Amino acid sequence: MSIESFVELVQPDWALAVEQTGIPPEIPLDFDSQAGVSGRNFAFFEWSPEVRFAFSPRVIHEPPHRQLGLFRHEVGHAVHYYLGREKLRRMIGKELEESDERLADQIAE
């Protein structure tokens, strides 16, 4: 799989997240070798110094279901960042996970 194929694979999920949550559609998706270091296996979402998704180029060697899971998890972080816990709780309709990592998974589900 290529980087272009990865972007094509995740595009429908991204469009749905933008539509359902109102988060900005222009958040960049970058490929960055630093995304596979410091305890991160393949990706991260950051908001400082710039807002972006960063994926390790190694992600293209993972099966498509894993790629989608990684992307959805990072989108969960973006949704949390833009909406905040209170608005998320109202949207989801149940108690939220305390851990940011578990919360990103909860949003992704």
Protein backbone atom coordinates (compact mmCIF):
# COMPACT_ATOMS: atom_id res chain seq x y z
CA MET A 1 0.00 0.00 0.00
CA SER A 2 1.18 3.53 -0.68
CA ILE A 3 0.81 6.75 1.29
CA GLU A 4 -1.76 7.88 -1.27
CA SER A 5 -3.74 4.65 -0.72
CA PHE A 6 -3.69 5.24 3.05
CA VAL A 7 -5.08 8.75 2.59
CA GLU A 8 -7.76 7.37 0.26
CA LEU A 9 -8.64 4.63 2.77
CA VAL A 10 -9.19 7.03 5.68
CA GLN A 11 -10.93 9.79 3.72
CA PRO A 12 -14.52 8.51 4.26
CA ASP A 13 -13.93 8.23 8.03
CA TRP A 14 -12.47 11.73 8.10
CA ALA A 15 -15.42 13.17 6.18
CA LEU A 16 -17.85 11.49 8.59
CA ALA A 17 -15.98 12.80 11.67
CA VAL A 18 -16.00 16.34 10.28
CA GLU A 19 -19.70 16.12 9.44
CA GLN A 20 -20.75 14.65 12.79
CA THR A 21 -18.60 16.80 15.07
CA GLY A 22 -17.87 20.02 13.22
CA ILE A 23 -14.11 19.78 13.70
CA PRO A 24 -12.09 21.68 11.06
CA PRO A 25 -11.66 19.68 7.84
CA GLU A 26 -8.30 21.28 7.06
CA ILE A 27 -6.25 19.55 9.79
CA PRO A 28 -3.16 18.29 7.94
CA LEU A 29 -2.31 14.62 7.78
CA ASP A 30 1.49 14.32 7.65
CA PHE A 31 3.86 11.42 7.38
CA ASP A 32 6.65 11.87 9.89
CA SER A 33 9.31 9.38 10.97
CA GLN A 34 9.03 10.83 14.51
CA ALA A 35 5.53 9.34 14.74
CA GLY A 36 7.09 5.94 15.40
CA VAL A 37 9.27 6.92 18.38
CA SER A 38 8.88 7.90 22.04
CA GLY A 39 6.48 5.10 22.87
CA ARG A 40 4.19 5.85 19.93
CA ASN A 41 3.87 2.95 17.56
CA PHE A 42 2.55 4.68 14.48
CA ALA A 43 0.89 8.04 15.00
CA PHE A 44 0.04 11.07 17.07
CA PHE A 45 -2.26 14.08 17.05
CA GLU A 46 -0.67 17.32 18.18
CA TRP A 47 -1.96 20.82 18.75
CA SER A 48 1.28 22.65 19.48
CA PRO A 49 3.16 24.16 17.76
CA GLU A 50 0.63 23.33 15.03
CA VAL A 51 -2.49 21.21 14.81
CA ARG A 52 -1.86 18.06 12.76
CA PHE A 53 -2.09 14.32 12.49
CA ALA A 54 1.29 12.63 12.08
CA PHE A 55 1.68 9.04 10.95
CA SER A 56 4.83 7.01 10.64
CA PRO A 57 5.52 5.99 7.03
CA ARG A 58 5.54 2.43 8.45
CA VAL A 59 1.74 2.58 8.76
CA ILE A 60 1.38 1.69 5.07
CA HIS A 61 2.73 -1.79 5.84
CA GLU A 62 -0.08 -2.51 8.31
CA PRO A 63 -3.33 -4.21 7.25
CA PRO A 64 -6.16 -1.84 6.29
CA HIS A 65 -8.22 -2.60 9.42
CA ARG A 66 -5.25 -1.60 11.60
CA GLN A 67 -4.70 1.56 9.57
CA LEU A 68 -8.33 2.55 10.06
CA GLY A 69 -8.15 1.80 13.77
CA LEU A 70 -5.05 3.97 14.18
CA PHE A 71 -6.62 6.79 12.21
CA ARG A 72 -9.89 6.62 14.15
CA HIS A 73 -8.00 6.74 17.44
CA GLU A 74 -6.13 9.88 16.37
CA VAL A 75 -9.39 11.46 15.18
CA GLY A 76 -10.70 10.73 18.68
CA HIS A 77 -7.92 12.91 20.08
CA ALA A 78 -8.81 15.69 17.62
CA VAL A 79 -12.49 15.54 18.54
CA HIS A 80 -11.58 15.70 22.24
CA TYR A 81 -9.29 18.67 21.62
CA TYR A 82 -11.86 20.68 19.67
CA LEU A 83 -15.03 19.83 21.58
CA GLY A 84 -13.88 19.33 25.16
CA ARG A 85 -15.13 16.83 27.71
CA GLU A 86 -18.46 18.46 28.58
CA LYS A 87 -19.69 18.74 25.01
CA LEU A 88 -18.44 15.22 24.29
CA ARG A 89 -20.32 13.84 27.30
CA ARG A 90 -23.52 15.42 26.05
CA MET A 91 -22.94 14.10 22.51
CA ILE A 92 -22.02 10.57 23.57
CA GLY A 93 -24.69 10.41 26.28
CA LYS A 94 -22.67 8.50 28.86
CA GLU A 95 -19.73 8.91 31.21
CA LEU A 96 -16.38 9.42 29.54
CA GLU A 97 -13.17 7.52 30.13
CA GLU A 98 -10.74 9.36 32.42
CA SER A 99 -7.58 8.54 30.45
CA ASP A 100 -7.08 10.57 27.27
CA GLU A 101 -5.97 7.42 25.44
CA ARG A 102 -9.04 5.46 26.48
CA LEU A 103 -11.21 8.48 25.69
CA ALA A 104 -9.80 8.59 22.15
CA ASP A 105 -10.74 4.90 21.80
CA GLN A 106 -14.22 5.58 23.20
CA ILE A 107 -14.76 8.38 20.68
CA ALA A 108 -13.44 6.19 17.85
CA GLU A 109 -15.99 3.50 18.69
